Amino acid sequence: MADRHLAPDTPELRERWGSFEFSPEHKAKADKHIAKYPDGRQKSAVMALLDLAQRQVGEETDTQGWLPLPVMEYVAQYLDMPVIRVVEVATFYFMYNLVPVGKYHVQVCGTTPCMLRGSDDIITACKSRGMVKGGVSEDGLWTLTEVECMGNCATAPMVQINDDNYEDLTPERLDAVLDALAKGDTPKAGTQEPGRHTSEPSGGPTTLKEMVSENHDYRGEW
C-alpha cells in the first residue's frame, strides 16, 4: 500500500509554495463551497478546498497535483482553522497527494477481487514502463500507487488514473490506455471489455433483458 508522509518542509519548498493563493477561478469555487454551510461552519468545506488547491498545484506544475505544507497552511488560514486539522484531513484521505506526483497518477487496486483477476500483472506492466511505487518516472509522466478497494470489483482488475477509472484490464489493454495518455489523447474511461457497457455480465444480460432498452414492467408476468 501507499506510504503516506508529508514532503519535507525545506527552504526550497517554502520559496516555491510559500506565496500560494487561489487563482480567481479557484477562489470563486472555494467561496461557493463555503457558502453551502451555515455561518460558523466554514471548516466543513475543507475537503473541497484541499481538492481545489491540489488541482491548482497540478495546473501550475503540469502534474496531477499535490499538497505542499505551505498550501495546506493557506487552506487553514482561508478557513480560519488550525493547520493540524487540515493536515489530518489531507493525510487521512488518499485522494490527496502528499508528495509530488507525475502528470498521470496511476492507482492500481490490489485488493482480493482485483488480485484474483490479475492486478499483479497490471502492476508488472506499469513497472515495465518505468513506473516506481511512490515516485515519479524519469519522463515525469507517471506515478504508481497500489491502493485498497476502489469499488469496481465486478469489473476487476482496474486502475484509477487522475479522475478516471479504467476497468476490465489486461496488460495489453492497460498499455493501450497509457499509450494514449502519453500521446496527449483521451482514452475511453470505464470498462475496456469490448461490447460491455458498465458492469453487466460479459456477453450481455442474462435476465431482465427487456430492461436494456426501456423501463419494462414485469409485474404482470410474475
C-alpha atoms as a PDB file:
ATOM      1  CA  MET A   1       0.000   0.000   0.000  1.00  0.00           C
ATOM      2  CA  ALA A   2       0.998   3.638  -0.300  1.00  0.00           C
ATOM      3  CA  ASP A   3       3.491   5.155   2.119  1.00  0.00           C
ATOM      4  CA  ARG A   4       1.755   8.262   3.484  1.00  0.00           C
ATOM      5  CA  HIS A   5       4.097  11.038   4.615  1.00  0.00           C
ATOM      6  CA  LEU A   6       4.436  14.774   4.160  1.00  0.00           C
ATOM      7  CA  ALA A   7       7.097  16.191   1.893  1.00  0.00           C
ATOM      8  CA  PRO A   8       9.988  17.679   3.910  1.00  0.00           C
ATOM      9  CA  ASP A   9       9.394  21.296   4.894  1.00  0.00           C
ATOM     10  CA  THR A  10      12.525  22.743   3.271  1.00  0.00           C
ATOM     11  CA  PRO A  11      13.511  26.321   2.386  1.00  0.00           C
ATOM     12  CA  GLU A  12      13.118  25.362  -1.266  1.00  0.00           C
ATOM     13  CA  LEU A  13       9.562  24.210  -0.601  1.00  0.00           C
ATOM     14  CA  ARG A  14       8.793  27.484   1.159  1.00  0.00           C
ATOM     15  CA  GLU A  15      10.311  29.513  -1.641  1.00  0.00           C
ATOM     16  CA  ARG A  16       8.214  27.761  -4.268  1.00  0.00           C
ATOM     17  CA  TRP A  17       4.885  27.483  -2.451  1.00  0.00           C
ATOM     18  CA  GLY A  18       5.017  29.970   0.435  1.00  0.00           C
ATOM     19  CA  SER A  19       3.131  32.604  -1.545  1.00  0.00           C
ATOM     20  CA  PHE A  20       0.428  30.234  -2.820  1.00  0.00           C
ATOM     21  CA  GLU A  21      -3.089  31.617  -3.073  1.00  0.00           C
ATOM     22  CA  PHE A  22      -6.152  30.619  -5.030  1.00  0.00           C
ATOM     23  CA  SER A  23      -6.455  31.887  -8.572  1.00  0.00           C
ATOM     24  CA  PRO A  24      -9.604  33.955  -9.210  1.00  0.00           C
ATOM     25  CA  GLU A  25     -11.286  30.908 -10.756  1.00  0.00           C
ATOM     26  CA  HIS A  26     -10.478  28.606  -7.843  1.00  0.00           C
ATOM     27  CA  LYS A  27     -11.272  31.307  -5.277  1.00  0.00           C
ATOM     28  CA  ALA A  28     -14.753  31.657  -6.737  1.00  0.00           C
ATOM     29  CA  LYS A  29     -15.236  27.895  -6.474  1.00  0.00           C
ATOM     30  CA  ALA A  30     -13.864  27.857  -2.914  1.00  0.00           C
ATOM     31  CA  ASP A  31     -16.237  30.599  -1.801  1.00  0.00           C
ATOM     32  CA  LYS A  32     -19.138  28.764  -3.449  1.00  0.00           C
ATOM     33  CA  HIS A  33     -18.325  25.625  -1.452  1.00  0.00           C
ATOM     34  CA  ILE A  34     -18.021  27.598   1.787  1.00  0.00           C
ATOM     35  CA  ALA A  35     -21.414  29.220   1.147  1.00  0.00           C
ATOM     36  CA  LYS A  36     -23.062  25.795   1.271  1.00  0.00           C
ATOM     37  CA  TYR A  37     -22.611  25.702   5.042  1.00  0.00           C
ATOM     38  CA  PRO A  38     -24.191  27.758   7.863  1.00  0.00           C
ATOM     39  CA  ASP A  39     -22.299  30.675   9.386  1.00  0.00           C
ATOM     40  CA  GLY A  40     -19.543  29.425  11.651  1.00  0.00           C
ATOM     41  CA  ARG A  41     -19.329  26.096   9.849  1.00  0.00           C
ATOM     42  CA  GLN A  42     -16.994  27.113   7.046  1.00  0.00           C
ATOM     43  CA  LYS A  43     -14.489  24.475   8.191  1.00  0.00           C
ATOM     44  CA  SER A  44     -16.834  21.885   6.699  1.00  0.00           C
ATOM     45  CA  ALA A  45     -15.569  22.933   3.262  1.00  0.00           C
ATOM     46  CA  VAL A  46     -12.018  21.799   3.997  1.00  0.00           C
ATOM     47  CA  MET A  47     -12.131  18.717   1.751  1.00  0.00           C
ATOM     48  CA  ALA A  48     -13.419  20.688  -1.219  1.00  0.00           C
ATOM     49  CA  LEU A  49     -10.811  23.419  -0.738  1.00  0.00           C
ATOM     50  CA  LEU A  50      -7.975  20.906  -0.439  1.00  0.00           C
ATOM     51  CA  ASP A  51      -9.114  19.369  -3.714  1.00  0.00           C
ATOM     52  CA  LEU A  52      -9.178  22.782  -5.387  1.00  0.00           C
ATOM     53  CA  ALA A  53      -5.718  23.583  -4.028  1.00  0.00           C
ATOM     54  CA  GLN A  54      -4.322  20.279  -5.264  1.00  0.00           C
ATOM     55  CA  ARG A  55      -5.809  20.862  -8.704  1.00  0.00           C
ATOM     56  CA  GLN A  56      -4.317  24.344  -8.893  1.00  0.00           C
ATOM     57  CA  VAL A  57      -0.888  22.981  -7.936  1.00  0.00           C
ATOM     58  CA  GLY A  58      -1.378  20.412 -10.691  1.00  0.00           C
ATOM     59  CA  GLU A  59      -2.175  23.108 -13.216  1.00  0.00           C
ATOM     60  CA  GLU A  60       0.926  25.064 -12.218  1.00  0.00           C
ATOM     61  CA  THR A  61       3.218  22.017 -12.391  1.00  0.00           C
ATOM     62  CA  ASP A  62       1.586  20.079 -15.255  1.00  0.00           C
ATOM     63  CA  THR A  63       1.021  17.128 -12.935  1.00  0.00           C
ATOM     64  CA  GLN A  64      -1.939  15.530 -11.202  1.00  0.00           C
ATOM     65  CA  GLY A  65      -1.241  17.863  -8.293  1.00  0.00           C
ATOM     66  CA  TRP A  66      -0.229  17.526  -4.655  1.00  0.00           C
ATOM     67  CA  LEU A  67      -0.394  19.418  -1.357  1.00  0.00           C
ATOM     68  CA  PRO A  68       2.812  21.048  -0.119  1.00  0.00           C
ATOM     69  CA  LEU A  69       2.658  22.061   3.542  1.00  0.00           C
ATOM     70  CA  PRO A  70       2.523  25.824   2.752  1.00  0.00           C
ATOM     71  CA  VAL A  71      -0.521  25.147   0.559  1.00  0.00           C
ATOM     72  CA  MET A  72      -2.245  23.335   3.424  1.00  0.00           C
ATOM     73  CA  GLU A  73      -1.368  26.280   5.665  1.00  0.00           C
ATOM     74  CA  TYR A  74      -3.038  28.599   3.160  1.00  0.00           C
ATOM     75  CA  VAL A  75      -6.214  26.481   3.204  1.00  0.00           C
ATOM     76  CA  ALA A  76      -6.159  26.528   7.024  1.00  0.00           C
ATOM     77  CA  GLN A  77      -5.864  30.310   7.029  1.00  0.00           C
ATOM     78  CA  TYR A  78      -8.614  30.618   4.415  1.00  0.00           C
ATOM     79  CA  LEU A  79     -10.971  28.628   6.639  1.00  0.00           C
ATOM     80  CA  ASP A  80      -9.706  30.037   9.947  1.00  0.00           C
ATOM     81  CA  MET A  81      -8.856  26.623  11.349  1.00  0.00           C
ATOM     82  CA  PRO A  82      -5.710  25.096  12.901  1.00  0.00           C
ATOM     83  CA  VAL A  83      -3.179  23.807  10.382  1.00  0.00           C
ATOM     84  CA  ILE A  84      -3.041  20.425  12.124  1.00  0.00           C
ATOM     85  CA  ARG A  85      -6.755  19.893  11.416  1.00  0.00           C
ATOM     86  CA  VAL A  86      -6.165  20.454   7.712  1.00  0.00           C
ATOM     87  CA  VAL A  87      -3.151  18.148   7.749  1.00  0.00           C
ATOM     88  CA  GLU A  88      -5.224  15.474   9.494  1.00  0.00           C
ATOM     89  CA  VAL A  89      -7.754  15.539   6.661  1.00  0.00           C
ATOM     90  CA  ALA A  90      -5.123  15.572   3.925  1.00  0.00           C
ATOM     91  CA  THR A  91      -3.220  12.642   5.404  1.00  0.00           C
ATOM     92  CA  PHE A  92      -6.345  10.542   6.013  1.00  0.00           C
ATOM     93  CA  TYR A  93      -7.861  10.599   2.523  1.00  0.00           C
ATOM     94  CA  PHE A  94      -5.984   9.018  -0.378  1.00  0.00           C
ATOM     95  CA  MET A  95      -7.500  11.489  -2.832  1.00  0.00           C
ATOM     96  CA  TYR A  96      -4.878  13.963  -1.606  1.00  0.00           C
ATOM     97  CA  ASN A  97      -1.266  13.545  -2.712  1.00  0.00           C
ATOM     98  CA  LEU A  98       1.253  14.461  -0.025  1.00  0.00           C
ATOM     99  CA  VAL A  99       4.349  14.388  -2.233  1.00  0.00           C
ATOM    100  CA  PRO A 100       4.950  15.362  -5.866  1.00  0.00           C
ATOM    101  CA  VAL A 101       3.417  13.043  -8.453  1.00  0.00           C
ATOM    102  CA  GLY A 102       3.640  12.725 -12.201  1.00  0.00           C
ATOM    103  CA  LYS A 103       1.306  14.089 -14.821  1.00  0.00           C
ATOM    104  CA  TYR A 104      -0.685  10.876 -14.502  1.00  0.00           C
ATOM    105  CA  HIS A 105      -1.189   9.195 -11.131  1.00  0.00           C
ATOM    106  CA  VAL A 106      -1.795   5.501 -11.785  1.00  0.00           C
ATOM    107  CA  GLN A 107      -3.525   3.945  -8.778  1.00  0.00           C
ATOM    108  CA  VAL A 108      -3.796   0.168  -9.090  1.00  0.00           C
ATOM    109  CA  CYS A 109      -6.312  -1.673  -6.940  1.00  0.00           C
ATOM    110  CA  GLY A 110      -4.634  -4.663  -5.306  1.00  0.00           C
ATOM    111  CA  THR A 111      -7.494  -5.906  -3.126  1.00  0.00           C
ATOM    112  CA  THR A 112      -8.645  -9.532  -3.411  1.00  0.00           C
ATOM    113  CA  PRO A 113     -11.110  -9.347  -6.371  1.00  0.00           C
ATOM    114  CA  CYS A 114      -8.634  -7.380  -8.482  1.00  0.00           C
ATOM    115  CA  MET A 115      -5.738  -9.584  -7.352  1.00  0.00           C
ATOM    116  CA  LEU A 116      -7.639 -12.718  -8.360  1.00  0.00           C
ATOM    117  CA  ARG A 117      -8.343 -11.153 -11.748  1.00  0.00           C
ATOM    118  CA  GLY A 118      -4.736 -10.208 -12.463  1.00  0.00           C
ATOM    119  CA  SER A 119      -3.780  -6.981 -10.695  1.00  0.00           C
ATOM    120  CA  ASP A 120      -0.242  -8.345 -10.188  1.00  0.00           C
ATOM    121  CA  ASP A 121       0.136  -8.421 -13.976  1.00  0.00           C
ATOM    122  CA  ILE A 122      -1.182  -4.851 -14.138  1.00  0.00           C
ATOM    123  CA  ILE A 123       1.439  -3.690 -11.641  1.00  0.00           C
ATOM    124  CA  THR A 124       4.145  -5.538 -13.598  1.00  0.00           C
ATOM    125  CA  ALA A 125       3.006  -3.773 -16.787  1.00  0.00           C
ATOM    126  CA  CYS A 126       3.247  -0.426 -15.017  1.00  0.00           C
ATOM    127  CA  LYS A 127       6.751  -1.137 -13.742  1.00  0.00           C
ATOM    128  CA  SER A 128       7.864  -2.206 -17.220  1.00  0.00           C
ATOM    129  CA  ARG A 129       7.170   1.377 -18.349  1.00  0.00           C
ATOM    130  CA  GLY A 130       9.481   2.825 -15.716  1.00  0.00           C
ATOM    131  CA  MET A 131       6.883   3.460 -13.020  1.00  0.00           C
ATOM    132  CA  VAL A 132       8.038   3.232  -9.410  1.00  0.00           C
ATOM    133  CA  LYS A 133       5.670   2.966  -6.456  1.00  0.00           C
ATOM    134  CA  GLY A 134       5.504   6.305  -4.696  1.00  0.00           C
ATOM    135  CA  GLY A 135       7.887   8.021  -7.107  1.00  0.00           C
ATOM    136  CA  VAL A 136       7.814   9.904 -10.382  1.00  0.00           C
ATOM    137  CA  SER A 137       9.073   8.218 -13.549  1.00  0.00           C
ATOM    138  CA  GLU A 138      12.101   9.695 -15.283  1.00  0.00           C
ATOM    139  CA  ASP A 139       9.954  11.200 -18.044  1.00  0.00           C
ATOM    140  CA  GLY A 140       7.740  12.911 -15.453  1.00  0.00           C
ATOM    141  CA  LEU A 141       4.595  11.254 -16.764  1.00  0.00           C
ATOM    142  CA  TRP A 142       3.786   8.579 -14.206  1.00  0.00           C
ATOM    143  CA  THR A 143       3.406   7.917 -10.519  1.00  0.00           C
ATOM    144  CA  LEU A 144       2.388   4.408  -9.426  1.00  0.00           C
ATOM    145  CA  THR A 145       0.443   3.674  -6.242  1.00  0.00           C
ATOM    146  CA  GLU A 146      -1.154   0.431  -5.074  1.00  0.00           C
ATOM    147  CA  VAL A 147      -4.400   1.143  -3.242  1.00  0.00           C
ATOM    148  CA  GLU A 148      -7.211  -0.625  -1.424  1.00  0.00           C
ATOM    149  CA  CYS A 149     -10.603  -1.469  -2.946  1.00  0.00           C
ATOM    150  CA  MET A 150     -11.936   1.229  -5.266  1.00  0.00           C
ATOM    151  CA  GLY A 151     -15.402  -0.239  -5.655  1.00  0.00           C
ATOM    152  CA  ASN A 152     -15.127  -1.782  -9.109  1.00  0.00           C
ATOM    153  CA  CYS A 153     -14.965  -5.431  -8.071  1.00  0.00           C
ATOM    154  CA  ALA A 154     -17.415  -6.532 -10.800  1.00  0.00           C
ATOM    155  CA  THR A 155     -15.091  -5.147 -13.476  1.00  0.00           C
ATOM    156  CA  ALA A 156     -11.752  -6.110 -11.944  1.00  0.00           C
ATOM    157  CA  PRO A 157      -8.902  -5.547 -12.386  1.00  0.00           C
ATOM    158  CA  MET A 158      -8.996  -1.775 -12.560  1.00  0.00           C
ATOM    159  CA  VAL A 159      -6.907   1.336 -12.129  1.00  0.00           C
ATOM    160  CA  GLN A 160      -7.742   4.956 -11.438  1.00  0.00           C
ATOM    161  CA  ILE A 161      -5.697   7.454 -13.430  1.00  0.00           C
ATOM    162  CA  ASN A 162      -6.267  11.016 -12.233  1.00  0.00           C
ATOM    163  CA  ASP A 163     -10.062  11.445 -12.310  1.00  0.00           C
ATOM    164  CA  ASP A 164     -10.969   8.417 -14.447  1.00  0.00           C
ATOM    165  CA  ASN A 165     -11.341   4.685 -13.825  1.00  0.00           C
ATOM    166  CA  TYR A 166     -10.274   2.044 -16.352  1.00  0.00           C
ATOM    167  CA  GLU A 167     -11.711  -1.418 -15.783  1.00  0.00           C
ATOM    168  CA  ASP A 168     -11.659  -4.998 -17.146  1.00  0.00           C
ATOM    169  CA  LEU A 169      -7.969  -4.538 -17.775  1.00  0.00           C
ATOM    170  CA  THR A 170      -5.331  -6.814 -19.195  1.00  0.00           C
ATOM    171  CA  PRO A 171      -1.695  -5.713 -19.558  1.00  0.00           C
ATOM    172  CA  GLU A 172      -2.370  -5.109 -23.249  1.00  0.00           C
ATOM    173  CA  ARG A 173      -5.466  -3.007 -22.593  1.00  0.00           C
ATOM    174  CA  LEU A 174      -3.637  -1.012 -19.946  1.00  0.00           C
ATOM    175  CA  ASP A 175      -0.770  -0.379 -22.365  1.00  0.00           C
ATOM    176  CA  ALA A 176      -3.265   0.984 -24.903  1.00  0.00           C
ATOM    177  CA  VAL A 177      -4.668   3.382 -22.279  1.00  0.00           C
ATOM    178  CA  LEU A 178      -1.209   4.519 -21.179  1.00  0.00           C
ATOM    179  CA  ASP A 179      -0.017   4.930 -24.776  1.00  0.00           C
ATOM    180  CA  ALA A 180      -2.996   7.178 -25.495  1.00  0.00           C
ATOM    181  CA  LEU A 181      -2.362   9.298 -22.400  1.00  0.00           C
ATOM    182  CA  ALA A 182       1.333   9.625 -23.217  1.00  0.00           C
ATOM    183  CA  LYS A 183       0.393  10.986 -26.658  1.00  0.00           C
ATOM    184  CA  GLY A 184      -1.984  13.507 -25.118  1.00  0.00           C
ATOM    185  CA  ASP A 185      -5.124  11.666 -26.216  1.00  0.00           C
ATOM    186  CA  THR A 186      -8.155  10.930 -24.036  1.00  0.00           C
ATOM    187  CA  PRO A 187      -8.806   7.186 -23.904  1.00  0.00           C
ATOM    188  CA  LYS A 188     -12.278   5.839 -23.208  1.00  0.00           C
ATOM    189  CA  ALA A 189     -12.841   5.575 -19.469  1.00  0.00           C
ATOM    190  CA  GLY A 190     -14.700   2.765 -17.734  1.00  0.00           C
ATOM    191  CA  THR A 191     -14.730  -0.833 -18.880  1.00  0.00           C
ATOM    192  CA  GLN A 192     -12.268  -1.810 -21.581  1.00  0.00           C
ATOM    193  CA  GLU A 193     -14.130  -5.042 -22.370  1.00  0.00           C
ATOM    194  CA  PRO A 194     -15.481  -4.897 -25.960  1.00  0.00           C
ATOM    195  CA  GLY A 195     -19.263  -4.946 -26.010  1.00  0.00           C
ATOM    196  CA  ARG A 196     -19.600  -4.254 -22.306  1.00  0.00           C
ATOM    197  CA  HIS A 197     -21.269  -1.015 -21.233  1.00  0.00           C
ATOM    198  CA  THR A 198     -20.906  -0.883 -17.441  1.00  0.00           C
ATOM    199  CA  SER A 199     -20.849  -3.832 -15.028  1.00  0.00           C
ATOM    200  CA  GLU A 200     -23.406  -6.075 -16.674  1.00  0.00           C
ATOM    201  CA  PRO A 201     -22.305  -9.696 -17.286  1.00  0.00           C
ATOM    202  CA  SER A 202     -19.775 -10.189 -20.047  1.00  0.00           C
ATOM    203  CA  GLY A 203     -21.699 -11.117 -23.175  1.00  0.00           C
ATOM    204  CA  GLY A 204     -24.741  -9.123 -22.118  1.00  0.00           C
ATOM    205  CA  PRO A 205     -27.512  -9.550 -19.554  1.00  0.00           C
ATOM    206  CA  THR A 206     -28.990 -12.995 -18.944  1.00  0.00           C
ATOM    207  CA  THR A 207     -32.073 -11.825 -17.041  1.00  0.00           C
ATOM    208  CA  LEU A 208     -34.398  -8.812 -17.253  1.00  0.00           C
ATOM    209  CA  LYS A 209     -33.279  -8.355 -20.850  1.00  0.00           C
ATOM    210  CA  GLU A 210     -36.190  -6.079 -21.693  1.00  0.00           C
ATOM    211  CA  MET A 211     -34.809  -3.513 -19.248  1.00  0.00           C
ATOM    212  CA  VAL A 212     -31.902  -2.819 -21.577  1.00  0.00           C
ATOM    213  CA  SER A 213     -33.896  -0.539 -23.852  1.00  0.00           C
ATOM    214  CA  GLU A 214     -36.805   0.609 -21.675  1.00  0.00           C
ATOM    215  CA  ASN A 215     -38.262   0.517 -18.176  1.00  0.00           C
ATOM    216  CA  HIS A 216     -40.161  -2.725 -18.757  1.00  0.00           C
ATOM    217  CA  ASP A 217     -42.943  -3.629 -16.298  1.00  0.00           C
ATOM    218  CA  TYR A 218     -42.584  -7.302 -15.372  1.00  0.00           C
ATOM    219  CA  ARG A 219     -45.318  -7.329 -12.714  1.00  0.00           C
ATOM    220  CA  GLY A 220     -47.924  -8.904 -14.943  1.00  0.00           C
ATOM    221  CA  GLU A 221     -45.580 -11.763 -15.762  1.00  0.00           C
ATOM    222  CA  TRP A 222     -44.820 -12.769 -12.169  1.00  0.00           C
END
